[in-house]
Amino acid sequence: MITKRELGLFILVLGGLLLLGSLTVDFAGVGGWGELGPLQRLGLWLGALAILVGRLLMLRGDRPA
């Protein structure tokens, strides 16, 4: 059975990957925007939200999810 801590860690890692991916797209030269594009901003916000939710779930302990 999966616990809230494990689910929180999974969500936190996915949010971090989304956040990192949104930031590294500029370094790869994808897109024609001079700055962060609208989808990158959305990715940053969703990644940050996922990190927050994951952290909150991790604090809930080892109870079943």
C-alpha atoms as a PDB file:
ATOM      1  CA  MET A   1       0.000   0.000   0.000  1.00  0.00           C
ATOM      2  CA  ILE A   2       1.308   3.450  -0.851  1.00  0.00           C
ATOM      3  CA  THR A   3       1.662   5.985   1.942  1.00  0.00           C
ATOM      4  CA  LYS A   4       1.149   9.730   1.859  1.00  0.00           C
ATOM      5  CA  ARG A   5       4.891  10.205   2.282  1.00  0.00           C
ATOM      6  CA  GLU A   6       5.656   8.093  -0.807  1.00  0.00           C
ATOM      7  CA  LEU A   7       2.948   9.794  -2.867  1.00  0.00           C
ATOM      8  CA  GLY A   8       4.225  13.185  -1.737  1.00  0.00           C
ATOM      9  CA  LEU A   9       7.771  12.296  -2.746  1.00  0.00           C
ATOM     10  CA  PHE A  10       6.565  11.135  -6.169  1.00  0.00           C
ATOM     11  CA  ILE A  11       4.602  14.354  -6.751  1.00  0.00           C
ATOM     12  CA  LEU A  12       7.505  16.446  -5.474  1.00  0.00           C
ATOM     13  CA  VAL A  13       9.942  14.792  -7.900  1.00  0.00           C
ATOM     14  CA  LEU A  14       7.542  15.216 -10.828  1.00  0.00           C
ATOM     15  CA  GLY A  15       7.045  18.879  -9.929  1.00  0.00           C
ATOM     16  CA  GLY A  16      10.792  19.394  -9.751  1.00  0.00           C
ATOM     17  CA  LEU A  17      11.273  17.778 -13.152  1.00  0.00           C
ATOM     18  CA  LEU A  18       8.529  19.973 -14.623  1.00  0.00           C
ATOM     19  CA  LEU A  19      10.100  23.071 -13.095  1.00  0.00           C
ATOM     20  CA  LEU A  20      13.573  22.116 -14.307  1.00  0.00           C
ATOM     21  CA  GLY A  21      12.280  21.208 -17.758  1.00  0.00           C
ATOM     22  CA  SER A  22      10.475  24.523 -18.109  1.00  0.00           C
ATOM     23  CA  LEU A  23      13.659  26.407 -17.288  1.00  0.00           C
ATOM     24  CA  THR A  24      16.013  24.369 -19.480  1.00  0.00           C
ATOM     25  CA  VAL A  25      13.952  24.787 -22.650  1.00  0.00           C
ATOM     26  CA  ASP A  26      15.509  28.236 -23.126  1.00  0.00           C
ATOM     27  CA  PHE A  27      19.018  26.816 -22.963  1.00  0.00           C
ATOM     28  CA  ALA A  28      18.149  24.291 -25.663  1.00  0.00           C
ATOM     29  CA  GLY A  29      17.016  27.128 -27.945  1.00  0.00           C
ATOM     30  CA  VAL A  30      13.473  25.866 -28.413  1.00  0.00           C
ATOM     31  CA  GLY A  31      10.907  28.506 -29.322  1.00  0.00           C
ATOM     32  CA  GLY A  32      11.263  32.004 -30.637  1.00  0.00           C
ATOM     33  CA  TRP A  33      10.456  33.974 -27.510  1.00  0.00           C
ATOM     34  CA  GLY A  34      13.058  36.373 -26.193  1.00  0.00           C
ATOM     35  CA  GLU A  35      12.100  35.494 -22.647  1.00  0.00           C
ATOM     36  CA  LEU A  36       9.919  32.922 -20.924  1.00  0.00           C
ATOM     37  CA  GLY A  37       6.956  31.998 -23.080  1.00  0.00           C
ATOM     38  CA  PRO A  38       3.401  31.523 -21.810  1.00  0.00           C
ATOM     39  CA  LEU A  39       3.667  27.725 -21.655  1.00  0.00           C
ATOM     40  CA  GLN A  40       6.948  27.980 -19.787  1.00  0.00           C
ATOM     41  CA  ARG A  41       5.334  30.248 -17.212  1.00  0.00           C
ATOM     42  CA  LEU A  42       2.478  27.776 -16.864  1.00  0.00           C
ATOM     43  CA  GLY A  43       4.998  24.966 -16.409  1.00  0.00           C
ATOM     44  CA  LEU A  44       6.824  26.941 -13.735  1.00  0.00           C
ATOM     45  CA  TRP A  45       3.618  27.641 -11.811  1.00  0.00           C
ATOM     46  CA  LEU A  46       2.403  24.046 -12.067  1.00  0.00           C
ATOM     47  CA  GLY A  47       5.804  22.712 -11.074  1.00  0.00           C
ATOM     48  CA  ALA A  48       5.942  24.993  -8.041  1.00  0.00           C
ATOM     49  CA  LEU A  49       2.401  23.994  -7.063  1.00  0.00           C
ATOM     50  CA  ALA A  50       3.249  20.295  -7.405  1.00  0.00           C
ATOM     51  CA  ILE A  51       6.322  20.767  -5.208  1.00  0.00           C
ATOM     52  CA  LEU A  52       4.186  22.467  -2.569  1.00  0.00           C
ATOM     53  CA  VAL A  53       1.507  19.755  -2.662  1.00  0.00           C
ATOM     54  CA  GLY A  54       4.151  17.029  -2.567  1.00  0.00           C
ATOM     55  CA  ARG A  55       5.847  18.620   0.435  1.00  0.00           C
ATOM     56  CA  LEU A  56       2.542  18.939   2.274  1.00  0.00           C
ATOM     57  CA  LEU A  57       1.746  15.282   1.605  1.00  0.00           C
ATOM     58  CA  MET A  58       5.175  14.229   2.849  1.00  0.00           C
ATOM     59  CA  LEU A  59       4.502  16.002   6.139  1.00  0.00           C
ATOM     60  CA  ARG A  60       1.312  13.979   6.628  1.00  0.00           C
ATOM     61  CA  GLY A  61       3.314  10.912   7.597  1.00  0.00           C
ATOM     62  CA  ASP A  62       3.085   7.190   6.903  1.00  0.00           C
ATOM     63  CA  ARG A  63      -0.680   6.852   6.805  1.00  0.00           C
ATOM     64  CA  PRO A  64      -2.165   5.176   3.726  1.00  0.00           C
ATOM     65  CA  ALA A  65      -2.983   7.534   0.869  1.00  0.00           C
END
